[in-house]
Amino acid sequence: MKLSAPIYQLKRRAKLLARTDTIPLHQALDRVAEEEGFPAWSLLASRHETEGSASSMLSQLADGDLLLIAARPGHGKTLLGLQLLLDAVGQARKATFFTLEYTEEQTLQRIHALPEGEALGEKVEIVTSDEISADYIMRHLAGAPKGTVAVIDYLQILDQQRIKPSLSEQVTALRSFARETGIVLAFISQIDRSFEADGKDLPDLQDVRLPNQLDLRLFSKACFLHDREVQLQHVA
């Protein structure tokens, strides 16, 4: 899908149009969508969401990358992580979802709602153990082939149990493991609520919620999402 400008710029154009023509924002968005060849903004946004993000992101990841996927609740970070795994399966890679949040049934429901989820979803390995931690992940993925993609859901609760090492220790260990094995590790992450008061289009590293100390430069890449806009950037 080719647009005349990035979607965040189209949104700005619609906001300006709403002010200058004194019309509701949803009408302005629909007008902008019509200029781009879509009958409504909802159709433009839906097409943008399903076509671009995860598949193009996978092509920009290198073996051994440590990726952060961060957004506020409801902005698609978990779905993007699951789509990343489906795209890995589509390339005949091993794909594993480690989750401390969802049951296997809940995860499959979310996978099946995605493009090709019904066809490829059963090939995504789903791990729901309460013991998930850096050591657990490394043991589970020992011997996995180079290029394997694993998504960890989610960063801020990896050390929630006091018996587990600190978040900093775990991410440091997983960074070394990823580099040694060529496995791609992606961490779903929360964004602090203060971001929504800052007026920015997208969050950044400064907005990542960190209840416990962690040097975010341990990550090689970071992907931020907000209002259907997705941006992947290099960290270190």
Protein backbone atom coordinates (compact mmCIF):
# COMPACT_ATOMS: atom_id res chain seq x y z
CA MET A 1 0.00 0.00 0.00
CA LYS A 2 1.50 3.31 -1.11
CA LEU A 3 0.39 6.48 0.61
CA SER A 4 1.28 10.04 -0.30
CA ALA A 5 2.78 10.52 3.20
CA PRO A 6 3.40 8.49 6.39
CA ILE A 7 0.18 7.77 8.25
CA TYR A 8 1.08 10.08 11.16
CA GLN A 9 1.40 12.97 8.70
CA LEU A 10 -1.99 12.11 7.22
CA LYS A 11 -3.44 12.30 10.73
CA ARG A 12 -1.91 15.73 11.21
CA ARG A 13 -3.40 16.81 7.88
CA ALA A 14 -6.82 15.63 9.07
CA LYS A 15 -6.50 17.50 12.39
CA LEU A 16 -5.63 20.70 10.54
CA LEU A 17 -8.55 20.17 8.17
CA ALA A 18 -10.91 19.64 11.11
CA ARG A 19 -9.81 22.96 12.62
CA THR A 20 -9.85 25.01 9.43
CA ASP A 21 -13.20 23.62 8.14
CA THR A 22 -14.75 23.32 11.62
CA ILE A 23 -15.78 19.69 11.12
CA PRO A 24 -15.50 16.64 13.39
CA LEU A 25 -12.15 14.86 13.26
CA HIS A 26 -13.68 11.62 11.99
CA GLN A 27 -15.08 13.46 8.96
CA ALA A 28 -11.71 15.04 8.30
CA LEU A 29 -10.02 11.64 8.54
CA ASP A 30 -12.47 10.20 6.02
CA ARG A 31 -11.77 13.10 3.63
CA VAL A 32 -8.05 12.45 3.83
CA ALA A 33 -8.67 8.73 3.29
CA GLU A 34 -10.70 9.51 0.16
CA GLU A 35 -7.77 11.53 -1.19
CA GLU A 36 -5.63 8.42 -0.70
CA GLY A 37 -8.12 6.23 -2.57
CA PHE A 38 -10.02 4.72 0.37
CA PRO A 39 -13.74 5.25 1.06
CA ALA A 40 -13.15 5.65 4.81
CA TRP A 41 -10.28 6.20 7.26
CA SER A 42 -11.03 2.93 9.04
CA LEU A 43 -10.30 0.99 5.85
CA LEU A 44 -7.06 2.86 5.23
CA ALA A 45 -5.87 2.28 8.80
CA SER A 46 -6.84 -1.40 8.76
CA ARG A 47 -4.99 -2.02 5.50
CA HIS A 48 -1.94 -0.18 6.81
CA GLU A 49 -1.94 -2.23 10.01
CA THR A 50 -2.22 -5.63 8.36
CA GLU A 51 0.21 -5.03 5.51
CA GLY A 52 3.17 -3.21 6.85
CA SER A 53 4.37 -3.75 10.33
CA ALA A 54 5.48 -7.22 11.29
CA SER A 55 6.59 -8.65 7.95
CA SER A 56 8.67 -5.57 7.13
CA MET A 57 10.04 -5.61 10.67
CA LEU A 58 11.20 -9.23 10.42
CA SER A 59 13.15 -8.38 7.29
CA GLN A 60 14.98 -5.65 9.23
CA LEU A 61 16.02 -7.93 12.10
CA ALA A 62 19.37 -9.70 12.14
CA ASP A 63 20.22 -12.99 13.77
CA GLY A 64 21.05 -12.34 17.43
CA ASP A 65 19.02 -9.13 17.71
CA LEU A 66 17.43 -8.18 21.02
CA LEU A 67 14.23 -6.31 20.15
CA LEU A 68 11.94 -4.19 22.33
CA ILE A 69 8.28 -3.92 21.23
CA ALA A 70 6.67 -1.15 23.29
CA ALA A 71 3.30 0.61 23.42
CA ARG A 72 0.52 1.69 25.73
CA PRO A 73 -2.28 -0.86 26.36
CA GLY A 74 -4.53 -1.44 23.39
CA HIS A 75 -2.14 -0.20 20.72
CA GLY A 76 -1.18 -3.58 19.26
CA LYS A 77 2.17 -4.54 20.79
CA THR A 78 1.14 -8.13 21.59
CA LEU A 79 -0.50 -8.61 18.20
CA LEU A 80 2.61 -7.29 16.51
CA GLY A 81 4.75 -9.76 18.46
CA LEU A 82 2.45 -12.63 17.48
CA GLN A 83 2.44 -11.51 13.84
CA LEU A 84 6.24 -11.46 13.96
CA LEU A 85 6.13 -15.13 14.99
CA LEU A 86 3.70 -15.99 12.19
CA ASP A 87 6.01 -14.31 9.70
CA ALA A 88 8.91 -16.34 11.08
CA VAL A 89 6.88 -19.54 10.62
CA GLY A 90 6.16 -18.41 7.06
CA GLN A 91 9.92 -18.38 6.49
CA ALA A 92 10.26 -21.91 7.94
CA ARG A 93 11.86 -20.60 11.14
CA LYS A 94 11.23 -21.91 14.63
CA ALA A 95 8.90 -19.52 16.49
CA THR A 96 8.20 -19.53 20.24
CA PHE A 97 5.95 -17.34 22.38
CA PHE A 98 6.85 -17.19 26.09
CA THR A 99 4.01 -15.62 28.04
CA LEU A 100 3.44 -14.84 31.69
CA GLU A 101 0.16 -13.12 30.82
CA TYR A 102 -1.98 -15.42 28.67
CA THR A 103 -3.09 -19.04 28.67
CA GLU A 104 -2.41 -21.18 25.62
CA GLU A 105 -6.08 -20.94 24.62
CA GLN A 106 -6.10 -17.14 24.91
CA THR A 107 -2.90 -16.92 22.86
CA LEU A 108 -4.30 -19.14 20.10
CA GLN A 109 -7.45 -17.02 19.94
CA ARG A 110 -5.33 -13.92 19.35
CA ILE A 111 -3.15 -15.68 16.80
CA HIS A 112 -6.14 -16.99 14.84
CA ALA A 113 -7.48 -13.43 14.53
CA LEU A 114 -4.37 -12.41 12.57
CA PRO A 115 -3.74 -12.77 8.82
CA GLU A 116 -2.69 -16.41 8.17
CA GLY A 117 -3.23 -17.14 11.85
CA GLU A 118 -5.60 -20.01 11.17
CA ALA A 119 -3.19 -21.57 8.67
CA LEU A 120 0.09 -21.08 10.53
CA GLY A 121 -0.87 -20.54 14.17
CA GLU A 122 -0.48 -24.18 15.23
CA LYS A 123 3.20 -24.02 14.24
CA VAL A 124 3.92 -21.31 16.83
CA GLU A 125 5.15 -22.90 20.06
CA ILE A 126 3.36 -21.42 23.08
CA VAL A 127 5.01 -21.61 26.52
CA THR A 128 2.94 -20.46 29.51
CA SER A 129 4.97 -21.67 32.52
CA ASP A 130 5.10 -19.44 35.61
CA GLU A 131 8.82 -20.30 35.73
CA ILE A 132 9.61 -18.24 32.64
CA SER A 133 12.84 -16.30 33.23
CA ALA A 134 16.15 -15.83 31.44
CA ASP A 135 17.45 -19.21 32.64
CA TYR A 136 14.22 -20.94 31.68
CA ILE A 137 14.21 -19.35 28.20
CA MET A 138 17.85 -20.24 27.55
CA ARG A 139 17.32 -23.85 28.64
CA HIS A 140 14.19 -24.14 26.52
CA LEU A 141 15.86 -22.72 23.41
CA ALA A 142 19.13 -24.60 23.83
CA GLY A 143 19.87 -26.24 20.50
CA ALA A 144 17.32 -24.15 18.59
CA PRO A 145 18.58 -23.27 15.10
CA LYS A 146 20.09 -19.92 14.23
CA GLY A 147 17.38 -17.52 13.09
CA THR A 148 14.81 -18.80 15.56
CA VAL A 149 12.44 -16.04 16.70
CA ALA A 150 11.13 -15.92 20.27
CA VAL A 151 8.78 -13.34 21.77
CA ILE A 152 8.68 -12.78 25.54
CA ASP A 153 5.49 -11.43 27.10
CA TYR A 154 6.35 -9.29 28.88
CA LEU A 155 9.51 -7.46 30.00
CA GLN A 156 8.31 -5.81 33.22
CA ILE A 157 7.18 -9.02 34.93
CA LEU A 158 10.20 -11.22 34.20
CA ASP A 159 11.49 -10.52 37.73
CA GLN A 160 8.13 -10.17 39.45
CA GLN A 161 8.85 -13.25 41.56
CA ARG A 162 11.49 -12.38 44.15
CA ILE A 163 13.27 -15.71 43.64
CA LYS A 164 14.15 -14.71 40.08
CA PRO A 165 17.26 -12.64 39.24
CA SER A 166 16.90 -8.89 38.66
CA LEU A 167 15.56 -7.69 35.34
CA SER A 168 18.97 -6.23 34.49
CA GLU A 169 20.71 -9.56 35.12
CA GLN A 170 18.17 -11.46 33.05
CA VAL A 171 18.27 -9.16 30.02
CA THR A 172 22.08 -9.06 30.13
CA ALA A 173 22.20 -12.86 30.09
CA LEU A 174 19.66 -13.08 27.27
CA ARG A 175 21.59 -10.54 25.22
CA SER A 176 24.72 -12.72 25.41
CA PHE A 177 22.66 -15.82 24.64
CA ALA A 178 21.07 -14.21 21.56
CA ARG A 179 24.43 -13.11 20.19
CA GLU A 180 26.02 -16.51 20.77
CA THR A 181 23.18 -18.51 19.23
CA GLY A 182 21.86 -16.18 16.51
CA ILE A 183 18.38 -16.41 18.01
CA VAL A 184 16.19 -13.28 17.77
CA LEU A 185 14.59 -12.38 21.10
CA ALA A 186 11.74 -9.84 21.18
CA PHE A 187 10.40 -8.43 24.45
CA ILE A 188 6.90 -6.95 24.69
CA SER A 189 7.08 -3.89 26.94
CA GLN A 190 4.83 -1.39 28.65
CA ILE A 191 5.02 2.36 28.13
CA ASP A 192 4.54 4.75 31.03
CA ARG A 193 1.17 6.52 31.17
CA SER A 194 2.94 9.91 31.27
CA PHE A 195 3.62 9.51 27.52
CA GLU A 196 0.00 10.32 26.72
CA ALA A 197 0.38 13.77 28.28
CA ASP A 198 3.56 14.62 26.38
CA GLY A 199 1.93 15.32 23.02
CA LYS A 200 4.31 13.10 21.06
CA ASP A 201 3.16 11.02 18.10
CA LEU A 202 5.12 7.98 19.24
CA PRO A 203 6.75 6.90 22.50
CA ASP A 204 10.51 6.40 22.72
CA LEU A 205 13.03 4.82 25.08
CA GLN A 206 12.46 7.52 27.70
CA ASP A 207 8.81 6.44 27.94
CA VAL A 208 9.46 2.75 28.68
CA ARG A 209 8.05 1.85 32.09
CA LEU A 210 10.85 0.58 34.30
CA PRO A 211 9.79 -0.32 37.84
CA ASN A 212 13.24 -1.91 38.22
CA GLN A 213 16.59 -0.70 36.91
CA LEU A 214 17.50 -1.69 33.35
CA ASP A 215 19.92 -0.25 30.80
CA LEU A 216 17.85 -0.13 27.61
CA ARG A 217 21.04 0.02 25.57
CA LEU A 218 21.16 -3.74 26.04
CA PHE A 219 18.60 -3.90 23.23
CA SER A 220 19.83 -3.69 19.66
CA LYS A 221 16.53 -2.46 18.20
CA ALA A 222 13.26 -1.00 19.49
CA CYS A 223 9.82 -0.86 17.91
CA PHE A 224 7.29 1.69 19.17
CA LEU A 225 3.58 1.73 18.38
CA HIS A 226 0.80 4.26 18.88
CA ASP A 227 -2.48 4.89 17.05
CA ARG A 228 -1.57 2.33 14.36
CA GLU A 229 1.76 4.02 13.64
CA VAL A 230 4.83 1.77 13.92
CA GLN A 231 8.47 2.83 14.04
CA LEU A 232 11.51 0.54 14.26
CA GLN A 233 14.83 2.06 15.29
CA HIS A 234 18.35 1.01 16.20
CA VAL A 235 19.32 1.29 19.87
CA ALA A 236 22.88 -0.03 20.07
